[in-house]
Amino acid sequence: MTNFYPSQRFSSAISSMATSPKTIHERLVDAFNYDLIHVKASDLPQNLQLQFSELLKRVTSVKPTNQEGSLVATISKMTTDEAVDIAHKIQFLYHEIESSLPS
């Protein structure tokens, strides 16, 4: 049975990142909080699981200092270039997920 759920969540994340008037940092937080948080690495094709796990670690590596979570703490400390790189990785993973689905 094919799992279309990750593709749907990644598609939604990319759509909201592309159309939101918020900053890239805010768009990344929203993409993870509203869409990608629901995806488990085990939902993805095996060859993408490690990449997704590493991406999650990358966006949650800073210990929160206030009531913010580690996601907000980490992304808020990123440069714009780092945030754009994360967005590119999300897009890359989405395309890889899509290419693994049956035609």
C-alpha atoms as a PDB file:
ATOM      1  CA  MET A   1       0.000   0.000   0.000  1.00  0.00           C
ATOM      2  CA  THR A   2       1.352   3.419  -0.986  1.00  0.00           C
ATOM      3  CA  ASN A   3       1.521   6.108   1.678  1.00  0.00           C
ATOM      4  CA  PHE A   4       0.502   9.430   0.104  1.00  0.00           C
ATOM      5  CA  TYR A   5       0.367  11.249   3.455  1.00  0.00           C
ATOM      6  CA  PRO A   6       3.991  12.518   3.469  1.00  0.00           C
ATOM      7  CA  SER A   7       3.574  13.868  -0.055  1.00  0.00           C
ATOM      8  CA  GLN A   8       0.425  15.721   0.964  1.00  0.00           C
ATOM      9  CA  ARG A   9       2.083  17.230   4.060  1.00  0.00           C
ATOM     10  CA  PHE A  10       5.212  18.298   2.153  1.00  0.00           C
ATOM     11  CA  SER A  11       3.066  19.761  -0.642  1.00  0.00           C
ATOM     12  CA  SER A  12       1.073  21.766   1.878  1.00  0.00           C
ATOM     13  CA  ALA A  13       4.268  22.997   3.573  1.00  0.00           C
ATOM     14  CA  ILE A  14       5.745  24.140   0.272  1.00  0.00           C
ATOM     15  CA  SER A  15       2.518  25.831  -0.785  1.00  0.00           C
ATOM     16  CA  SER A  16       2.280  27.790   2.438  1.00  0.00           C
ATOM     17  CA  MET A  17       5.962  28.745   2.298  1.00  0.00           C
ATOM     18  CA  ALA A  18       5.523  30.000  -1.267  1.00  0.00           C
ATOM     19  CA  THR A  19       2.381  32.034  -0.671  1.00  0.00           C
ATOM     20  CA  SER A  20       2.712  33.406   2.853  1.00  0.00           C
ATOM     21  CA  PRO A  21       3.666  37.069   3.268  1.00  0.00           C
ATOM     22  CA  LYS A  22       5.648  36.198   6.409  1.00  0.00           C
ATOM     23  CA  THR A  23       9.442  36.154   6.688  1.00  0.00           C
ATOM     24  CA  ILE A  24      11.310  33.025   5.620  1.00  0.00           C
ATOM     25  CA  HIS A  25      11.926  32.221   9.277  1.00  0.00           C
ATOM     26  CA  GLU A  26       8.232  32.474  10.135  1.00  0.00           C
ATOM     27  CA  ARG A  27       7.301  30.441   7.059  1.00  0.00           C
ATOM     28  CA  LEU A  28       9.660  27.652   8.094  1.00  0.00           C
ATOM     29  CA  VAL A  29       8.232  27.557  11.604  1.00  0.00           C
ATOM     30  CA  ASP A  30       4.726  27.356  10.138  1.00  0.00           C
ATOM     31  CA  ALA A  31       5.743  24.631   7.663  1.00  0.00           C
ATOM     32  CA  PHE A  32       7.021  22.459  10.485  1.00  0.00           C
ATOM     33  CA  ASN A  33       4.312  23.310  13.020  1.00  0.00           C
ATOM     34  CA  TYR A  34       1.361  22.847  10.677  1.00  0.00           C
ATOM     35  CA  ASP A  35       2.553  20.198   8.235  1.00  0.00           C
ATOM     36  CA  LEU A  36       5.899  18.510   8.689  1.00  0.00           C
ATOM     37  CA  ILE A  37       5.476  17.834  12.411  1.00  0.00           C
ATOM     38  CA  HIS A  38       2.908  15.231  11.430  1.00  0.00           C
ATOM     39  CA  VAL A  39       5.346  13.283   9.254  1.00  0.00           C
ATOM     40  CA  LYS A  40       7.431  10.532  10.814  1.00  0.00           C
ATOM     41  CA  ALA A  41      10.686   9.489   9.204  1.00  0.00           C
ATOM     42  CA  SER A  42       9.285   5.969   8.980  1.00  0.00           C
ATOM     43  CA  ASP A  43       6.480   7.326   6.741  1.00  0.00           C
ATOM     44  CA  LEU A  44       9.036   8.173   4.070  1.00  0.00           C
ATOM     45  CA  PRO A  45      10.785   5.900   1.594  1.00  0.00           C
ATOM     46  CA  GLN A  46      13.732   4.258   3.320  1.00  0.00           C
ATOM     47  CA  ASN A  47      16.326   6.187   1.299  1.00  0.00           C
ATOM     48  CA  LEU A  48      14.902   9.507   2.606  1.00  0.00           C
ATOM     49  CA  GLN A  49      14.395   8.659   6.262  1.00  0.00           C
ATOM     50  CA  LEU A  50      17.872   9.662   7.419  1.00  0.00           C
ATOM     51  CA  GLN A  51      17.774  12.923   5.458  1.00  0.00           C
ATOM     52  CA  PHE A  52      14.440  13.848   7.033  1.00  0.00           C
ATOM     53  CA  SER A  53      15.671  12.923  10.525  1.00  0.00           C
ATOM     54  CA  GLU A  54      18.761  15.070  10.011  1.00  0.00           C
ATOM     55  CA  LEU A  55      16.591  17.956   8.819  1.00  0.00           C
ATOM     56  CA  LEU A  56      14.472  17.693  11.975  1.00  0.00           C
ATOM     57  CA  LYS A  57      17.615  17.702  14.112  1.00  0.00           C
ATOM     58  CA  ARG A  58      18.913  20.716  12.229  1.00  0.00           C
ATOM     59  CA  VAL A  59      15.788  22.781  12.935  1.00  0.00           C
ATOM     60  CA  THR A  60      15.539  21.780  16.609  1.00  0.00           C
ATOM     61  CA  SER A  61      19.185  21.897  17.718  1.00  0.00           C
ATOM     62  CA  VAL A  62      19.010  25.052  19.878  1.00  0.00           C
ATOM     63  CA  LYS A  63      17.800  24.698  23.437  1.00  0.00           C
ATOM     64  CA  PRO A  64      14.873  27.060  24.073  1.00  0.00           C
ATOM     65  CA  THR A  65      15.450  29.841  26.581  1.00  0.00           C
ATOM     66  CA  ASN A  66      11.907  31.114  27.009  1.00  0.00           C
ATOM     67  CA  GLN A  67       8.526  29.542  26.419  1.00  0.00           C
ATOM     68  CA  GLU A  68       9.402  29.026  22.774  1.00  0.00           C
ATOM     69  CA  GLY A  69      10.073  25.512  21.585  1.00  0.00           C
ATOM     70  CA  SER A  70      13.361  24.313  20.174  1.00  0.00           C
ATOM     71  CA  LEU A  71      12.013  24.783  16.628  1.00  0.00           C
ATOM     72  CA  VAL A  72      11.425  28.517  17.113  1.00  0.00           C
ATOM     73  CA  ALA A  73      14.639  28.916  19.102  1.00  0.00           C
ATOM     74  CA  THR A  74      16.672  27.254  16.351  1.00  0.00           C
ATOM     75  CA  ILE A  75      15.076  28.858  13.306  1.00  0.00           C
ATOM     76  CA  SER A  76      15.127  32.337  14.857  1.00  0.00           C
ATOM     77  CA  LYS A  77      18.922  32.058  15.200  1.00  0.00           C
ATOM     78  CA  MET A  78      19.434  31.062  11.549  1.00  0.00           C
ATOM     79  CA  THR A  79      20.699  33.453   8.932  1.00  0.00           C
ATOM     80  CA  THR A  80      18.447  34.076   5.967  1.00  0.00           C
ATOM     81  CA  ASP A  81      20.740  31.897   3.841  1.00  0.00           C
ATOM     82  CA  GLU A  82      20.458  29.031   6.332  1.00  0.00           C
ATOM     83  CA  ALA A  83      16.670  29.368   6.392  1.00  0.00           C
ATOM     84  CA  VAL A  84      16.525  29.370   2.591  1.00  0.00           C
ATOM     85  CA  ASP A  85      18.697  26.245   2.579  1.00  0.00           C
ATOM     86  CA  ILE A  86      16.193  24.508   4.867  1.00  0.00           C
ATOM     87  CA  ALA A  87      13.374  25.515   2.510  1.00  0.00           C
ATOM     88  CA  HIS A  88      15.350  24.045  -0.401  1.00  0.00           C
ATOM     89  CA  LYS A  89      15.810  20.803   1.521  1.00  0.00           C
ATOM     90  CA  ILE A  90      12.069  20.602   2.129  1.00  0.00           C
ATOM     91  CA  GLN A  91      11.476  21.100  -1.582  1.00  0.00           C
ATOM     92  CA  PHE A  92      14.115  18.490  -2.458  1.00  0.00           C
ATOM     93  CA  LEU A  93      12.571  15.922  -0.117  1.00  0.00           C
ATOM     94  CA  TYR A  94       9.122  16.614  -1.551  1.00  0.00           C
ATOM     95  CA  HIS A  95      10.351  15.974  -5.099  1.00  0.00           C
ATOM     96  CA  GLU A  96      12.095  12.789  -3.988  1.00  0.00           C
ATOM     97  CA  ILE A  97       8.929  11.590  -2.239  1.00  0.00           C
ATOM     98  CA  GLU A  98       6.856  12.370  -5.334  1.00  0.00           C
ATOM     99  CA  SER A  99       9.258  10.522  -7.623  1.00  0.00           C
ATOM    100  CA  SER A 100       9.003   7.436  -5.419  1.00  0.00           C
ATOM    101  CA  LEU A 101       5.213   7.265  -5.786  1.00  0.00           C
ATOM    102  CA  PRO A 102       3.656   5.015  -8.436  1.00  0.00           C
ATOM    103  CA  SER A 103       2.654   6.796 -11.637  1.00  0.00           C
END
